[in-house]
């Protein structure tokens, strides 16, 4: 169990790093991009951290899946911030599927 929690914690550290990179890019982005991040994506990090702290053998796999969904969404969002003009998210392209981040999914 300890090694599984360590694995989850390492994955969460990657999400924290991605979160920090996105926050830096959001400083250059417009209000719409910041609002989208603050309301739809970032809140899931805390939920995942709480679930890791209380993880049991029966919940490890669902938490791992939620972390993977979050990682994918974070990468997509970071890419959009990078591609957008002046560091913002453009209206074109595919929108990241923020619903995939929900740990309960």
N, C-alpha and C. Protein backbone atom coordinates (compact mmCIF):
# COMPACT_ATOMS: atom_id res chain seq x y z
N UNK A 1 0.82 -1.19 0.00
CA UNK A 1 0.00 0.00 0.00
C UNK A 1 0.87 1.26 0.00
N UNK A 2 1.94 1.23 0.77
CA UNK A 2 2.80 2.41 0.85
C UNK A 2 3.38 2.77 -0.52
N UNK A 3 3.85 1.77 -1.26
CA UNK A 3 4.42 2.09 -2.57
C UNK A 3 3.37 2.62 -3.53
N UNK A 4 2.13 2.14 -3.41
CA UNK A 4 1.06 2.68 -4.26
C UNK A 4 0.78 4.14 -3.90
N UNK A 5 0.75 4.44 -2.61
CA UNK A 5 0.54 5.83 -2.21
C UNK A 5 1.71 6.69 -2.67
N UNK A 6 2.93 6.15 -2.61
CA UNK A 6 4.09 6.89 -3.10
C UNK A 6 3.96 7.17 -4.59
N UNK A 7 3.50 6.20 -5.34
CA UNK A 7 3.29 6.37 -6.78
C UNK A 7 2.25 7.46 -7.03
N UNK A 8 1.16 7.41 -6.28
CA UNK A 8 0.13 8.44 -6.43
C UNK A 8 0.67 9.81 -6.05
N UNK A 9 1.46 9.86 -4.99
CA UNK A 9 2.03 11.14 -4.57
C UNK A 9 2.98 11.68 -5.64
N UNK A 10 3.76 10.82 -6.26
CA UNK A 10 4.64 11.27 -7.35
C UNK A 10 3.83 11.82 -8.51
N UNK A 11 2.73 11.16 -8.83
CA UNK A 11 1.85 11.65 -9.90
C UNK A 11 1.24 13.00 -9.52
N UNK A 12 0.86 13.14 -8.26
CA UNK A 12 0.32 14.42 -7.82
C UNK A 12 1.37 15.51 -7.89
N UNK A 13 2.62 15.17 -7.62
CA UNK A 13 3.68 16.17 -7.73
C UNK A 13 3.80 16.67 -9.16
N UNK A 14 3.64 15.77 -10.12
CA UNK A 14 3.65 16.20 -11.52
C UNK A 14 2.49 17.15 -11.79
N UNK A 15 1.30 16.84 -11.25
CA UNK A 15 0.16 17.73 -11.44
C UNK A 15 0.42 19.09 -10.79
N UNK A 16 1.04 19.10 -9.63
CA UNK A 16 1.36 20.37 -8.97
C UNK A 16 2.31 21.19 -9.84
N UNK A 17 3.29 20.54 -10.44
CA UNK A 17 4.24 21.23 -11.31
C UNK A 17 3.51 21.81 -12.52
N UNK A 18 2.64 21.00 -13.14
CA UNK A 18 1.85 21.49 -14.28
C UNK A 18 0.98 22.67 -13.84
N UNK A 19 0.36 22.54 -12.67
CA UNK A 19 -0.48 23.62 -12.15
C UNK A 19 0.33 24.91 -12.02
N UNK A 20 1.54 24.80 -11.48
CA UNK A 20 2.37 25.99 -11.31
C UNK A 20 2.75 26.61 -12.65
N UNK A 21 3.06 25.77 -13.65
CA UNK A 21 3.38 26.28 -14.98
C UNK A 21 2.18 27.01 -15.57
N UNK A 22 1.00 26.42 -15.40
CA UNK A 22 -0.22 27.04 -15.94
C UNK A 22 -0.48 28.37 -15.24
N UNK A 23 -0.29 28.43 -13.93
CA UNK A 23 -0.49 29.69 -13.21
C UNK A 23 0.40 30.80 -13.76
N UNK A 24 1.65 30.47 -14.06
CA UNK A 24 2.56 31.46 -14.63
C UNK A 24 2.03 31.95 -15.97
N UNK A 25 1.59 31.03 -16.82
CA UNK A 25 1.08 31.40 -18.14
C UNK A 25 -0.23 32.17 -18.04
N UNK A 26 -1.01 31.88 -17.00
CA UNK A 26 -2.27 32.59 -16.83
C UNK A 26 -2.05 34.06 -16.49
N UNK A 27 -0.91 34.38 -15.91
CA UNK A 27 -0.61 35.78 -15.64
C UNK A 27 -0.57 36.59 -16.93
N UNK A 28 -0.26 35.94 -18.03
CA UNK A 28 -0.22 36.60 -19.33
C UNK A 28 -1.53 36.45 -20.10
N UNK A 29 -2.37 35.56 -19.64
CA UNK A 29 -3.61 35.25 -20.36
C UNK A 29 -4.72 36.22 -19.96
N UNK A 30 -5.80 36.14 -20.67
CA UNK A 30 -6.94 37.00 -20.39
C UNK A 30 -7.79 36.47 -19.25
N UNK A 31 -8.72 37.30 -18.82
CA UNK A 31 -9.60 36.96 -17.70
C UNK A 31 -10.40 35.69 -17.98
N UNK A 32 -10.85 35.50 -19.19
CA UNK A 32 -11.64 34.31 -19.52
C UNK A 32 -10.84 33.04 -19.28
N UNK A 33 -9.58 33.04 -19.68
CA UNK A 33 -8.73 31.86 -19.46
C UNK A 33 -8.50 31.62 -17.98
N UNK A 34 -8.27 32.69 -17.22
CA UNK A 34 -8.07 32.54 -15.77
C UNK A 34 -9.33 32.01 -15.09
N UNK A 35 -10.47 32.55 -15.47
CA UNK A 35 -11.73 32.09 -14.88
C UNK A 35 -11.97 30.62 -15.17
N UNK A 36 -11.72 30.21 -16.40
CA UNK A 36 -11.91 28.81 -16.79
C UNK A 36 -11.02 27.93 -15.93
N UNK A 37 -9.78 28.32 -15.75
CA UNK A 37 -8.83 27.55 -14.94
C UNK A 37 -9.30 27.47 -13.49
N UNK A 38 -9.64 28.61 -12.91
CA UNK A 38 -9.99 28.67 -11.50
C UNK A 38 -11.28 27.94 -11.18
N UNK A 39 -12.22 27.92 -12.10
CA UNK A 39 -13.53 27.34 -11.83
C UNK A 39 -13.66 25.89 -12.29
N UNK A 40 -12.95 25.51 -13.34
CA UNK A 40 -13.19 24.21 -13.93
C UNK A 40 -12.08 23.20 -13.74
N UNK A 41 -10.87 23.64 -13.47
CA UNK A 41 -9.77 22.69 -13.46
C UNK A 41 -9.01 22.65 -12.14
N UNK A 42 -8.54 23.78 -11.69
CA UNK A 42 -7.71 23.81 -10.50
C UNK A 42 -8.38 23.21 -9.25
N UNK A 43 -9.67 23.37 -9.03
CA UNK A 43 -10.28 22.81 -7.82
C UNK A 43 -10.11 21.29 -7.69
N UNK A 44 -9.91 20.62 -8.79
CA UNK A 44 -9.78 19.17 -8.75
C UNK A 44 -8.47 18.71 -8.12
N UNK A 45 -7.45 19.56 -8.15
CA UNK A 45 -6.17 19.19 -7.56
C UNK A 45 -6.34 18.94 -6.06
N UNK A 46 -7.02 19.85 -5.38
CA UNK A 46 -7.23 19.68 -3.94
C UNK A 46 -8.05 18.42 -3.64
N UNK A 47 -9.07 18.16 -4.46
CA UNK A 47 -9.87 16.94 -4.26
C UNK A 47 -9.01 15.69 -4.37
N UNK A 48 -8.14 15.68 -5.37
CA UNK A 48 -7.26 14.52 -5.56
C UNK A 48 -6.29 14.39 -4.40
N UNK A 49 -5.75 15.50 -3.93
CA UNK A 49 -4.82 15.45 -2.81
C UNK A 49 -5.52 14.88 -1.57
N UNK A 50 -6.75 15.30 -1.32
CA UNK A 50 -7.51 14.77 -0.18
C UNK A 50 -7.76 13.28 -0.33
N UNK A 51 -8.09 12.85 -1.53
CA UNK A 51 -8.35 11.43 -1.75
C UNK A 51 -7.09 10.60 -1.55
N UNK A 52 -5.94 11.13 -1.95
CA UNK A 52 -4.70 10.38 -1.74
C UNK A 52 -4.43 10.22 -0.25
N UNK A 53 -4.67 11.28 0.51
CA UNK A 53 -4.43 11.20 1.95
C UNK A 53 -5.29 10.14 2.61
N UNK A 54 -6.48 9.91 2.09
CA UNK A 54 -7.38 8.92 2.70
C UNK A 54 -7.53 7.67 1.85
N UNK A 55 -6.60 7.43 0.94
CA UNK A 55 -6.70 6.29 0.02
C UNK A 55 -6.65 4.96 0.76
N UNK A 56 -7.42 4.03 0.23
CA UNK A 56 -7.42 2.65 0.71
C UNK A 56 -7.15 1.75 -0.50
N UNK A 57 -6.94 0.49 -0.23
CA UNK A 57 -6.71 -0.45 -1.33
C UNK A 57 -7.84 -0.40 -2.36
N UNK A 58 -9.06 -0.21 -1.89
CA UNK A 58 -10.20 -0.24 -2.81
C UNK A 58 -10.36 1.04 -3.62
N UNK A 59 -9.70 2.13 -3.22
CA UNK A 59 -9.86 3.40 -3.94
C UNK A 59 -8.64 3.78 -4.77
N UNK A 60 -7.55 3.07 -4.62
CA UNK A 60 -6.30 3.42 -5.30
C UNK A 60 -6.48 3.51 -6.81
N UNK A 61 -7.13 2.53 -7.40
CA UNK A 61 -7.24 2.49 -8.86
C UNK A 61 -8.07 3.66 -9.39
N UNK A 62 -9.18 3.99 -8.72
CA UNK A 62 -10.00 5.10 -9.20
C UNK A 62 -9.26 6.43 -9.04
N UNK A 63 -8.46 6.57 -7.99
CA UNK A 63 -7.66 7.78 -7.81
C UNK A 63 -6.60 7.87 -8.90
N UNK A 64 -5.95 6.76 -9.18
CA UNK A 64 -4.94 6.73 -10.24
C UNK A 64 -5.55 7.15 -11.58
N UNK A 65 -6.74 6.65 -11.88
CA UNK A 65 -7.42 7.03 -13.12
C UNK A 65 -7.75 8.52 -13.14
N UNK A 66 -8.21 9.05 -12.00
CA UNK A 66 -8.54 10.47 -11.93
C UNK A 66 -7.30 11.33 -12.13
N UNK A 67 -6.17 10.90 -11.57
CA UNK A 67 -4.92 11.64 -11.75
C UNK A 67 -4.52 11.63 -13.22
N UNK A 68 -4.68 10.50 -13.88
CA UNK A 68 -4.33 10.42 -15.30
C UNK A 68 -5.23 11.33 -16.14
N UNK A 69 -6.53 11.37 -15.83
CA UNK A 69 -7.44 12.26 -16.54
C UNK A 69 -7.06 13.72 -16.30
N UNK A 70 -6.70 14.04 -15.05
CA UNK A 70 -6.28 15.40 -14.73
C UNK A 70 -5.01 15.76 -15.48
N UNK A 71 -4.05 14.84 -15.52
CA UNK A 71 -2.79 15.09 -16.22
C UNK A 71 -3.06 15.41 -17.69
N UNK A 72 -3.93 14.63 -18.32
CA UNK A 72 -4.27 14.86 -19.72
C UNK A 72 -4.91 16.23 -19.91
N UNK A 73 -5.85 16.57 -19.06
CA UNK A 73 -6.53 17.87 -19.17
C UNK A 73 -5.57 19.03 -18.92
N UNK A 74 -4.67 18.87 -17.94
CA UNK A 74 -3.69 19.91 -17.66
C UNK A 74 -2.77 20.12 -18.85
N UNK A 75 -2.32 19.03 -19.46
CA UNK A 75 -1.45 19.15 -20.63
C UNK A 75 -2.19 19.85 -21.78
N UNK A 76 -3.44 19.49 -22.00
CA UNK A 76 -4.23 20.12 -23.06
C UNK A 76 -4.40 21.61 -22.79
N UNK A 77 -4.71 21.95 -21.56
CA UNK A 77 -4.93 23.35 -21.22
C UNK A 77 -3.63 24.15 -21.35
N UNK A 78 -2.52 23.57 -20.88
CA UNK A 78 -1.23 24.24 -21.01
C UNK A 78 -0.89 24.47 -22.48
N UNK A 79 -1.18 23.49 -23.32
CA UNK A 79 -0.92 23.64 -24.75
C UNK A 79 -1.76 24.76 -25.35
N UNK A 80 -3.01 24.86 -24.92
CA UNK A 80 -3.85 25.95 -25.42
C UNK A 80 -3.32 27.30 -24.99
N UNK A 81 -2.83 27.39 -23.76
CA UNK A 81 -2.27 28.65 -23.30
C UNK A 81 -1.04 29.03 -24.12
N UNK A 82 -0.26 28.04 -24.48
CA UNK A 82 0.95 28.27 -25.25
C UNK A 82 0.62 28.70 -26.68
N UNK A 83 -0.42 28.10 -27.27
CA UNK A 83 -0.79 28.38 -28.66
C UNK A 83 -1.53 29.70 -28.82
N UNK A 84 -2.21 30.14 -27.78
CA UNK A 84 -3.03 31.34 -27.88
C UNK A 84 -2.20 32.59 -28.08
N UNK A 85 -2.80 33.58 -28.69
CA UNK A 85 -2.10 34.84 -28.89
C UNK A 85 -1.88 35.52 -27.54
N UNK A 86 -0.73 36.10 -27.36
CA UNK A 86 -0.33 36.77 -26.12
C UNK A 86 -0.46 35.85 -24.92
N UNK A 87 -0.30 34.56 -25.15
CA UNK A 87 -0.32 33.62 -24.04
C UNK A 87 -1.71 33.22 -23.59
N UNK A 88 -2.74 33.64 -24.30
CA UNK A 88 -4.10 33.33 -23.90
C UNK A 88 -4.65 32.14 -24.62
N UNK A 89 -5.82 31.72 -24.21
CA UNK A 89 -6.50 30.60 -24.85
C UNK A 89 -7.32 31.16 -25.98
N UNK A 90 -7.18 30.59 -27.16
CA UNK A 90 -7.92 31.07 -28.32
C UNK A 90 -9.27 30.39 -28.40
N UNK A 91 -10.12 30.93 -29.23
CA UNK A 91 -11.43 30.33 -29.40
C UNK A 91 -11.40 29.11 -30.29
N UNK A 92 -10.36 28.94 -31.08
CA UNK A 92 -10.28 27.81 -31.99
C UNK A 92 -9.72 26.58 -31.33
N UNK A 93 -9.87 25.45 -31.98
CA UNK A 93 -9.29 24.22 -31.46
C UNK A 93 -10.23 23.52 -30.49
N UNK A 94 -9.80 22.36 -30.07
CA UNK A 94 -10.59 21.57 -29.15
C UNK A 94 -10.44 22.08 -27.73
N UNK A 95 -11.53 22.13 -27.03
CA UNK A 95 -11.55 22.52 -25.63
C UNK A 95 -11.16 21.31 -24.79
N UNK A 96 -10.27 21.47 -23.79
CA UNK A 96 -9.97 20.33 -22.93
C UNK A 96 -11.24 19.84 -22.25
N UNK A 97 -11.35 18.55 -22.06
CA UNK A 97 -12.52 17.97 -21.41
C UNK A 97 -12.31 18.00 -19.91
N UNK A 98 -12.69 19.11 -19.27
CA UNK A 98 -12.47 19.28 -17.85
C UNK A 98 -13.27 18.28 -17.01
N UNK A 99 -14.33 17.74 -17.54
CA UNK A 99 -15.12 16.76 -16.78
C UNK A 99 -14.32 15.50 -16.49
N UNK A 100 -13.29 15.23 -17.28
CA UNK A 100 -12.47 14.02 -17.07
C UNK A 100 -11.67 14.10 -15.79
N UNK A 101 -11.53 15.28 -15.22
CA UNK A 101 -10.68 15.44 -14.05
C UNK A 101 -11.39 15.03 -12.77
N UNK A 102 -12.70 14.98 -12.78
CA UNK A 102 -13.45 14.68 -11.57
C UNK A 102 -13.04 13.34 -10.98
N UNK A 103 -12.53 13.33 -9.74
CA UNK A 103 -12.09 12.08 -9.11
C UNK A 103 -13.21 11.05 -8.95
N UNK A 104 -14.46 11.49 -8.98
CA UNK A 104 -15.58 10.56 -8.81
C UNK A 104 -15.97 9.87 -10.09
N UNK A 105 -15.40 10.32 -11.22
CA UNK A 105 -15.75 9.72 -12.53
C UNK A 105 -15.18 8.33 -12.66
